[in-house]
N, C-alpha and C. Protein backbone atom coordinates (compact mmCIF):
# COMPACT_ATOMS: atom_id res chain seq x y z
N MET A 1 -2.64 -58.45 15.67
CA MET A 1 -1.98 -58.13 14.44
C MET A 1 -0.53 -57.78 14.75
N THR A 2 0.39 -58.34 13.99
CA THR A 2 1.80 -58.06 14.21
C THR A 2 2.24 -56.91 13.31
N ALA A 3 3.13 -56.12 13.83
CA ALA A 3 3.66 -55.00 13.05
C ALA A 3 4.69 -55.51 12.05
N THR A 4 4.60 -55.01 10.86
CA THR A 4 5.55 -55.38 9.82
C THR A 4 6.54 -54.24 9.65
N ALA A 5 7.81 -54.58 9.70
CA ALA A 5 8.84 -53.55 9.52
C ALA A 5 8.85 -53.09 8.07
N LEU A 6 8.94 -51.81 7.90
CA LEU A 6 9.04 -51.25 6.55
C LEU A 6 10.49 -51.26 6.09
N PRO A 7 10.72 -51.36 4.78
CA PRO A 7 12.09 -51.26 4.29
C PRO A 7 12.62 -49.84 4.51
N ALA A 8 13.92 -49.69 4.39
CA ALA A 8 14.52 -48.37 4.55
C ALA A 8 13.92 -47.41 3.53
N PRO A 9 13.73 -46.15 3.91
CA PRO A 9 13.14 -45.18 2.97
C PRO A 9 14.12 -44.82 1.85
N PRO A 10 13.60 -44.28 0.75
CA PRO A 10 14.49 -43.85 -0.33
C PRO A 10 15.42 -42.74 0.18
N ALA A 11 16.57 -42.65 -0.43
CA ALA A 11 17.52 -41.60 -0.06
C ALA A 11 17.14 -40.30 -0.75
N LEU A 12 17.55 -39.19 -0.16
CA LEU A 12 17.41 -37.87 -0.75
C LEU A 12 18.81 -37.38 -1.10
N VAL A 13 19.01 -37.04 -2.37
CA VAL A 13 20.32 -36.60 -2.86
C VAL A 13 20.24 -35.11 -3.19
N PRO A 14 21.11 -34.27 -2.59
CA PRO A 14 21.06 -32.84 -2.90
C PRO A 14 21.16 -32.60 -4.41
N MET A 15 20.24 -31.80 -4.92
CA MET A 15 20.15 -31.57 -6.35
C MET A 15 20.47 -30.12 -6.72
N THR A 16 19.80 -29.17 -6.04
CA THR A 16 20.01 -27.76 -6.35
C THR A 16 19.38 -26.88 -5.28
N HIS A 17 19.72 -25.59 -5.33
CA HIS A 17 19.11 -24.58 -4.47
C HIS A 17 18.51 -23.52 -5.40
N ILE A 18 17.24 -23.21 -5.19
CA ILE A 18 16.54 -22.22 -6.02
C ILE A 18 16.22 -21.00 -5.16
N ARG A 19 16.53 -19.84 -5.72
CA ARG A 19 16.09 -18.57 -5.12
C ARG A 19 15.20 -17.89 -6.15
N CYS A 20 13.93 -17.73 -5.83
CA CYS A 20 12.95 -17.18 -6.75
C CYS A 20 12.40 -15.87 -6.22
N GLU A 21 12.50 -14.82 -7.02
CA GLU A 21 11.89 -13.54 -6.66
C GLU A 21 10.39 -13.67 -6.83
N VAL A 22 9.64 -13.09 -5.89
CA VAL A 22 8.18 -13.18 -5.95
C VAL A 22 7.57 -11.78 -6.01
N GLY A 23 6.45 -11.71 -6.74
CA GLY A 23 5.72 -10.45 -6.85
C GLY A 23 4.71 -10.30 -5.73
N THR A 24 3.80 -9.38 -5.91
CA THR A 24 2.78 -9.08 -4.92
C THR A 24 1.64 -10.09 -5.00
N LEU A 25 1.22 -10.57 -3.86
CA LEU A 25 0.12 -11.53 -3.75
C LEU A 25 -1.15 -10.92 -4.34
N VAL A 26 -1.86 -11.72 -5.15
CA VAL A 26 -3.15 -11.31 -5.71
C VAL A 26 -4.20 -12.29 -5.19
N THR A 27 -5.23 -11.77 -4.54
CA THR A 27 -6.27 -12.64 -4.02
C THR A 27 -7.50 -12.59 -4.91
N LEU A 28 -8.11 -13.75 -5.13
CA LEU A 28 -9.35 -13.85 -5.88
C LEU A 28 -10.53 -13.92 -4.92
N GLY A 29 -10.25 -13.90 -3.62
CA GLY A 29 -11.29 -13.93 -2.60
C GLY A 29 -11.67 -15.34 -2.20
N PRO A 30 -12.71 -15.44 -1.38
CA PRO A 30 -13.15 -16.75 -0.91
C PRO A 30 -13.58 -17.63 -2.08
N ALA A 31 -13.19 -18.89 -2.01
CA ALA A 31 -13.55 -19.86 -3.04
C ALA A 31 -14.05 -21.13 -2.36
N LYS A 32 -14.27 -22.13 -3.14
CA LYS A 32 -14.86 -23.38 -2.67
C LYS A 32 -14.12 -24.00 -1.48
N TYR A 33 -12.77 -24.00 -1.52
CA TYR A 33 -11.99 -24.66 -0.47
C TYR A 33 -11.19 -23.70 0.40
N GLY A 34 -11.36 -22.41 0.18
CA GLY A 34 -10.61 -21.40 0.93
C GLY A 34 -10.31 -20.22 0.03
N GLU A 35 -9.50 -19.30 0.53
CA GLU A 35 -9.14 -18.12 -0.26
C GLU A 35 -8.24 -18.54 -1.42
N ARG A 36 -8.67 -18.24 -2.64
CA ARG A 36 -7.89 -18.57 -3.84
C ARG A 36 -7.04 -17.36 -4.17
N ARG A 37 -5.74 -17.60 -4.42
CA ARG A 37 -4.84 -16.50 -4.69
C ARG A 37 -3.65 -16.98 -5.51
N TYR A 38 -2.86 -16.02 -6.01
CA TYR A 38 -1.65 -16.38 -6.74
C TYR A 38 -0.58 -15.33 -6.50
N VAL A 39 0.66 -15.77 -6.75
CA VAL A 39 1.82 -14.90 -6.64
C VAL A 39 2.60 -15.01 -7.95
N PRO A 40 2.79 -13.88 -8.66
CA PRO A 40 3.63 -13.93 -9.86
C PRO A 40 5.08 -14.22 -9.47
N LEU A 41 5.75 -15.05 -10.27
CA LEU A 41 7.14 -15.40 -10.00
C LEU A 41 8.05 -14.65 -10.96
N GLY A 42 9.10 -14.07 -10.42
CA GLY A 42 10.06 -13.33 -11.23
C GLY A 42 11.26 -14.20 -11.57
N GLY A 43 12.37 -13.56 -11.76
CA GLY A 43 13.61 -14.27 -12.05
C GLY A 43 14.19 -14.88 -10.79
N GLY A 44 15.34 -15.49 -10.95
CA GLY A 44 15.99 -16.09 -9.81
C GLY A 44 17.17 -16.94 -10.25
N THR A 45 17.77 -17.59 -9.28
CA THR A 45 18.95 -18.40 -9.53
C THR A 45 18.71 -19.85 -9.15
N VAL A 46 19.42 -20.74 -9.85
CA VAL A 46 19.37 -22.17 -9.60
C VAL A 46 20.82 -22.63 -9.51
N ARG A 47 21.26 -23.06 -8.32
CA ARG A 47 22.66 -23.41 -8.12
C ARG A 47 22.77 -24.69 -7.30
N GLY A 48 23.49 -25.68 -7.83
CA GLY A 48 23.66 -26.91 -7.07
C GLY A 48 24.48 -27.93 -7.81
N PRO A 49 24.64 -29.09 -7.19
CA PRO A 49 25.50 -30.12 -7.78
C PRO A 49 24.93 -30.75 -9.05
N GLU A 50 23.60 -30.73 -9.25
CA GLU A 50 23.00 -31.38 -10.42
C GLU A 50 22.34 -30.44 -11.40
N LEU A 51 22.02 -29.23 -10.99
CA LEU A 51 21.25 -28.34 -11.85
C LEU A 51 21.62 -26.89 -11.55
N ASN A 52 22.01 -26.15 -12.61
CA ASN A 52 22.38 -24.75 -12.49
C ASN A 52 21.73 -23.96 -13.60
N GLY A 53 21.37 -22.72 -13.31
CA GLY A 53 20.78 -21.86 -14.32
C GLY A 53 20.08 -20.68 -13.69
N THR A 54 19.08 -20.18 -14.40
CA THR A 54 18.28 -19.05 -13.93
C THR A 54 16.80 -19.38 -14.11
N LEU A 55 15.96 -18.66 -13.40
CA LEU A 55 14.53 -18.81 -13.57
C LEU A 55 14.06 -17.84 -14.64
N VAL A 56 13.19 -18.32 -15.50
CA VAL A 56 12.60 -17.47 -16.52
C VAL A 56 11.42 -16.74 -15.88
N GLU A 57 11.43 -15.43 -15.96
CA GLU A 57 10.34 -14.64 -15.37
C GLU A 57 9.02 -15.01 -16.02
N GLY A 58 7.96 -15.08 -15.23
CA GLY A 58 6.63 -15.36 -15.77
C GLY A 58 5.93 -16.56 -15.18
N GLY A 59 6.58 -17.25 -14.26
CA GLY A 59 5.92 -18.36 -13.60
C GLY A 59 4.85 -17.86 -12.64
N VAL A 60 4.04 -18.78 -12.14
CA VAL A 60 2.97 -18.43 -11.21
C VAL A 60 2.89 -19.47 -10.10
N ASP A 61 2.65 -19.00 -8.89
CA ASP A 61 2.43 -19.86 -7.73
C ASP A 61 0.97 -19.70 -7.33
N TRP A 62 0.14 -20.67 -7.72
CA TRP A 62 -1.27 -20.66 -7.33
C TRP A 62 -1.40 -21.24 -5.93
N GLN A 63 -2.27 -20.65 -5.11
CA GLN A 63 -2.40 -21.05 -3.72
C GLN A 63 -3.87 -21.11 -3.29
N VAL A 64 -4.13 -21.96 -2.31
CA VAL A 64 -5.41 -21.95 -1.61
C VAL A 64 -5.09 -21.82 -0.13
N ASN A 65 -5.54 -20.72 0.47
CA ASN A 65 -5.35 -20.49 1.90
C ASN A 65 -6.54 -21.16 2.60
N ARG A 66 -6.31 -22.35 3.12
CA ARG A 66 -7.38 -23.18 3.65
C ARG A 66 -7.87 -22.71 5.01
N ALA A 67 -9.10 -23.08 5.33
CA ALA A 67 -9.70 -22.70 6.61
C ALA A 67 -8.96 -23.31 7.80
N ASP A 68 -8.25 -24.42 7.60
CA ASP A 68 -7.53 -25.06 8.70
C ASP A 68 -6.15 -24.44 8.94
N GLY A 69 -5.82 -23.38 8.20
CA GLY A 69 -4.55 -22.69 8.41
C GLY A 69 -3.43 -23.13 7.49
N ALA A 70 -3.63 -24.20 6.73
CA ALA A 70 -2.59 -24.64 5.79
C ALA A 70 -2.76 -23.91 4.46
N LEU A 71 -1.66 -23.79 3.75
CA LEU A 71 -1.64 -23.15 2.43
C LEU A 71 -1.25 -24.20 1.41
N ASP A 72 -2.15 -24.52 0.47
CA ASP A 72 -1.83 -25.42 -0.63
C ASP A 72 -1.10 -24.61 -1.70
N ILE A 73 -0.06 -25.19 -2.27
CA ILE A 73 0.81 -24.50 -3.23
C ILE A 73 0.89 -25.31 -4.50
N ALA A 74 0.77 -24.63 -5.65
CA ALA A 74 0.94 -25.27 -6.96
C ALA A 74 1.69 -24.27 -7.85
N ALA A 75 3.02 -24.38 -7.85
CA ALA A 75 3.85 -23.46 -8.63
C ALA A 75 4.22 -24.08 -9.97
N HIS A 76 4.32 -23.23 -10.98
CA HIS A 76 4.64 -23.68 -12.33
C HIS A 76 5.56 -22.63 -12.94
N TYR A 77 6.78 -23.05 -13.30
CA TYR A 77 7.76 -22.10 -13.82
C TYR A 77 8.78 -22.82 -14.69
N VAL A 78 9.75 -22.05 -15.23
CA VAL A 78 10.74 -22.60 -16.16
C VAL A 78 12.14 -22.22 -15.70
N ILE A 79 13.05 -23.20 -15.78
CA ILE A 79 14.48 -22.98 -15.53
C ILE A 79 15.19 -22.96 -16.88
N ARG A 80 16.08 -21.97 -17.06
CA ARG A 80 16.97 -21.94 -18.21
C ARG A 80 18.35 -22.34 -17.70
N THR A 81 18.88 -23.47 -18.20
CA THR A 81 20.18 -23.96 -17.75
C THR A 81 21.30 -23.14 -18.38
N GLY A 82 22.50 -23.34 -17.89
CA GLY A 82 23.66 -22.63 -18.41
C GLY A 82 23.91 -22.89 -19.88
N ASP A 83 23.48 -24.05 -20.40
CA ASP A 83 23.67 -24.35 -21.82
C ASP A 83 22.46 -23.94 -22.67
N GLY A 84 21.52 -23.20 -22.04
CA GLY A 84 20.38 -22.66 -22.77
C GLY A 84 19.14 -23.54 -22.82
N ALA A 85 19.19 -24.73 -22.24
CA ALA A 85 18.03 -25.62 -22.24
C ALA A 85 16.93 -25.04 -21.35
N LEU A 86 15.69 -25.33 -21.71
CA LEU A 86 14.53 -24.91 -20.91
C LEU A 86 13.92 -26.13 -20.25
N ILE A 87 13.69 -26.02 -18.94
CA ILE A 87 13.13 -27.13 -18.16
C ILE A 87 11.89 -26.62 -17.43
N GLU A 88 10.77 -27.26 -17.69
CA GLU A 88 9.52 -26.93 -17.02
C GLU A 88 9.53 -27.56 -15.62
N VAL A 89 9.06 -26.80 -14.64
CA VAL A 89 8.96 -27.30 -13.26
C VAL A 89 7.52 -27.19 -12.79
N GLN A 90 6.99 -28.28 -12.26
CA GLN A 90 5.70 -28.27 -11.59
C GLN A 90 5.96 -28.68 -10.15
N SER A 91 5.53 -27.83 -9.23
CA SER A 91 5.84 -28.01 -7.82
C SER A 91 4.54 -27.92 -7.02
N ASP A 92 4.17 -29.00 -6.34
CA ASP A 92 2.94 -29.03 -5.54
C ASP A 92 3.28 -29.36 -4.10
N GLY A 93 2.70 -28.60 -3.17
CA GLY A 93 2.99 -28.86 -1.77
C GLY A 93 2.12 -28.06 -0.84
N MET A 94 2.67 -27.83 0.35
CA MET A 94 1.93 -27.06 1.34
C MET A 94 2.86 -26.39 2.34
N ARG A 95 2.29 -25.37 2.96
CA ARG A 95 2.99 -24.63 4.01
C ARG A 95 2.02 -24.46 5.17
N HIS A 96 2.50 -24.72 6.38
CA HIS A 96 1.67 -24.50 7.57
C HIS A 96 2.56 -24.39 8.79
N GLY A 97 2.00 -23.86 9.85
CA GLY A 97 2.74 -23.71 11.09
C GLY A 97 1.87 -23.07 12.14
N PRO A 98 2.44 -22.79 13.31
CA PRO A 98 1.68 -22.13 14.36
C PRO A 98 1.14 -20.79 13.86
N PRO A 99 -0.08 -20.41 14.26
CA PRO A 99 -0.68 -19.17 13.76
C PRO A 99 0.21 -17.94 13.91
N GLU A 100 0.92 -17.84 15.02
CA GLU A 100 1.78 -16.65 15.22
C GLU A 100 2.94 -16.62 14.23
N VAL A 101 3.46 -17.79 13.87
CA VAL A 101 4.55 -17.87 12.89
C VAL A 101 4.03 -17.52 11.50
N MET A 102 2.87 -18.04 11.15
CA MET A 102 2.29 -17.76 9.84
C MET A 102 1.93 -16.27 9.72
N ALA A 103 1.52 -15.65 10.81
CA ALA A 103 1.22 -14.21 10.80
C ALA A 103 2.50 -13.41 10.55
N ARG A 104 3.61 -13.83 11.15
CA ARG A 104 4.89 -13.16 10.90
C ARG A 104 5.29 -13.28 9.43
N LEU A 105 5.12 -14.46 8.86
CA LEU A 105 5.41 -14.66 7.43
C LEU A 105 4.55 -13.73 6.58
N ALA A 106 3.26 -13.65 6.89
CA ALA A 106 2.34 -12.81 6.12
C ALA A 106 2.74 -11.34 6.18
N ARG A 107 3.36 -10.92 7.28
CA ARG A 107 3.82 -9.53 7.41
C ARG A 107 5.17 -9.30 6.75
N GLY A 108 5.78 -10.37 6.23
CA GLY A 108 7.07 -10.23 5.56
C GLY A 108 8.26 -10.26 6.50
N GLU A 109 8.04 -10.69 7.74
CA GLU A 109 9.13 -10.77 8.71
C GLU A 109 10.01 -11.98 8.43
N ALA A 110 11.25 -11.93 8.90
CA ALA A 110 12.17 -13.05 8.76
C ALA A 110 11.75 -14.17 9.71
N VAL A 111 11.58 -15.37 9.16
CA VAL A 111 11.19 -16.54 9.94
C VAL A 111 12.08 -17.70 9.50
N GLY A 112 12.71 -18.36 10.45
CA GLY A 112 13.57 -19.51 10.13
C GLY A 112 12.77 -20.66 9.55
N ARG A 113 13.39 -21.38 8.63
CA ARG A 113 12.66 -22.47 7.97
C ARG A 113 12.31 -23.61 8.91
N ASP A 114 12.97 -23.68 10.05
CA ASP A 114 12.66 -24.73 11.03
C ASP A 114 11.47 -24.37 11.92
N GLU A 115 10.90 -23.17 11.74
CA GLU A 115 9.76 -22.74 12.56
C GLU A 115 8.41 -23.12 11.96
N TYR A 116 8.40 -23.62 10.72
CA TYR A 116 7.15 -24.00 10.07
C TYR A 116 7.44 -25.07 9.02
N PHE A 117 6.40 -25.67 8.51
CA PHE A 117 6.50 -26.74 7.51
C PHE A 117 6.27 -26.12 6.13
N PHE A 118 7.22 -26.34 5.22
CA PHE A 118 7.09 -25.87 3.83
C PHE A 118 7.77 -26.91 2.95
N ARG A 119 6.98 -27.77 2.31
CA ARG A 119 7.50 -28.84 1.47
C ARG A 119 6.73 -28.89 0.16
N THR A 120 7.45 -29.18 -0.91
CA THR A 120 6.80 -29.40 -2.20
C THR A 120 7.41 -30.62 -2.87
N VAL A 121 6.62 -31.26 -3.72
CA VAL A 121 7.10 -32.34 -4.57
C VAL A 121 7.24 -31.75 -5.97
N MET A 122 8.39 -31.98 -6.59
CA MET A 122 8.69 -31.35 -7.87
C MET A 122 8.85 -32.39 -8.97
N ARG A 123 8.33 -32.03 -10.16
CA ARG A 123 8.52 -32.83 -11.37
C ARG A 123 9.06 -31.90 -12.45
N PHE A 124 9.82 -32.48 -13.35
CA PHE A 124 10.49 -31.71 -14.41
C PHE A 124 10.10 -32.27 -15.76
N GLN A 125 10.12 -31.39 -16.78
CA GLN A 125 9.85 -31.84 -18.13
C GLN A 125 10.67 -30.99 -19.11
N THR A 126 11.37 -31.66 -20.00
CA THR A 126 12.17 -30.98 -21.00
C THR A 126 12.34 -31.86 -22.22
N GLY A 127 12.66 -31.23 -23.33
CA GLY A 127 13.00 -31.96 -24.54
C GLY A 127 14.47 -31.83 -24.88
N ALA A 128 15.22 -31.10 -24.04
CA ALA A 128 16.65 -30.88 -24.28
C ALA A 128 17.41 -32.19 -24.07
N PRO A 129 18.12 -32.67 -25.09
CA PRO A 129 18.79 -33.98 -24.98
C PRO A 129 19.68 -34.15 -23.75
N ALA A 130 20.42 -33.14 -23.38
CA ALA A 130 21.34 -33.27 -22.24
C ALA A 130 20.60 -33.39 -20.90
N TRP A 131 19.32 -33.04 -20.88
CA TRP A 131 18.57 -32.99 -19.63
C TRP A 131 17.39 -33.95 -19.59
N LEU A 132 17.29 -34.85 -20.57
CA LEU A 132 16.15 -35.77 -20.63
C LEU A 132 15.99 -36.61 -19.36
N HIS A 133 17.10 -36.88 -18.66
CA HIS A 133 17.02 -37.68 -17.43
C HIS A 133 16.11 -37.03 -16.39
N LEU A 134 15.95 -35.69 -16.45
CA LEU A 134 15.09 -35.01 -15.47
C LEU A 134 13.62 -35.37 -15.64
N ASN A 135 13.23 -35.83 -16.83
CA ASN A 135 11.85 -36.23 -17.06
C ASN A 135 11.45 -37.44 -16.21
N LYS A 136 12.44 -38.12 -15.63
CA LYS A 136 12.19 -39.30 -14.81
C LYS A 136 12.53 -39.07 -13.34
N VAL A 137 12.68 -37.79 -12.96
CA VAL A 137 13.06 -37.45 -11.58
C VAL A 137 11.84 -36.94 -10.81
N LEU A 138 11.73 -37.39 -9.59
CA LEU A 138 10.80 -36.84 -8.62
C LEU A 138 11.66 -36.26 -7.51
N ALA A 139 11.39 -35.02 -7.14
CA ALA A 139 12.23 -34.35 -6.13
C ALA A 139 11.37 -33.81 -5.00
N LEU A 140 12.00 -33.63 -3.87
CA LEU A 140 11.37 -33.04 -2.69
C LEU A 140 12.10 -31.73 -2.39
N ALA A 141 11.35 -30.66 -2.19
CA ALA A 141 11.95 -29.38 -1.86
C ALA A 141 11.53 -28.97 -0.46
N VAL A 142 12.49 -28.44 0.28
CA VAL A 142 12.24 -27.83 1.59
C VAL A 142 12.34 -26.33 1.36
N GLY A 143 11.26 -25.62 1.67
CA GLY A 143 11.19 -24.21 1.34
C GLY A 143 11.29 -23.27 2.52
N GLN A 144 11.58 -22.04 2.17
CA GLN A 144 11.58 -20.94 3.13
C GLN A 144 11.06 -19.71 2.41
N ARG A 145 10.11 -19.02 3.02
CA ARG A 145 9.52 -17.82 2.42
C ARG A 145 10.17 -16.59 3.03
N GLU A 146 10.64 -15.70 2.19
CA GLU A 146 11.12 -14.40 2.62
C GLU A 146 10.14 -13.36 2.09
N ALA A 147 10.31 -12.10 2.47
CA ALA A 147 9.37 -11.06 2.06
C ALA A 147 9.25 -10.97 0.55
N ARG A 148 10.34 -11.05 -0.20
CA ARG A 148 10.32 -10.88 -1.65
C ARG A 148 10.91 -12.07 -2.41
N ALA A 149 11.09 -13.19 -1.72
CA ALA A 149 11.70 -14.35 -2.38
C ALA A 149 11.25 -15.65 -1.71
N VAL A 150 11.35 -16.72 -2.47
CA VAL A 150 11.19 -18.08 -1.95
C VAL A 150 12.51 -18.81 -2.16
N LEU A 151 12.98 -19.50 -1.14
CA LEU A 151 14.19 -20.30 -1.21
C LEU A 151 13.79 -21.77 -1.14
N LEU A 152 14.34 -22.57 -2.04
CA LEU A 152 14.02 -24.00 -2.07
C LEU A 152 15.31 -24.81 -2.13
N ASP A 153 15.47 -25.71 -1.19
CA ASP A 153 16.55 -26.70 -1.23
C ASP A 153 15.92 -27.96 -1.82
N VAL A 154 16.42 -28.37 -2.98
CA VAL A 154 15.79 -29.45 -3.75
C VAL A 154 16.63 -30.71 -3.65
N TYR A 155 15.94 -31.84 -3.36
CA TYR A 155 16.59 -33.12 -3.20
C TYR A 155 15.94 -34.14 -4.15
N ARG A 156 16.74 -34.81 -4.95
CA ARG A 156 16.27 -35.87 -5.82
C ARG A 156 15.95 -37.09 -4.96
N ILE A 157 14.78 -37.70 -5.19
CA ILE A 157 14.40 -38.91 -4.46
C ILE A 157 14.93 -40.09 -5.25
N THR A 158 15.70 -40.97 -4.59
CA THR A 158 16.27 -42.12 -5.30
C THR A 158 15.33 -43.31 -5.25
């Protein structure tokens, strides 16, 4: 069998940087696929070349802490743009790394984003006329967890 060369991958275009305040982790205990838990999301900032605004308090980050050490993430929250538009964000991904690094994160210690894997795929939904183009955007976020915040560098996939 001969190898077929793949075409060049899609480009990633810097879109925005999100800083989200996070509440205290709530665990629901062991579940079908691992420990089921959630983190309430507070306010935050959205700053970048394509999207600016604030986070509306009240979002939730649902998680499954899997037996293999990976954390499945499903965050759902709202951005309020500078012109007052509301944009729904659905973000699905995962976080994993060496056990000692993940233990440091769990203790709230500072850990560089290059020490572990934290990626999410983001979709947007809005009815605001100026922002309708976001309904057709798929984005990739590279994340970093801090003790009381999550930082996301968001890139639009072309």
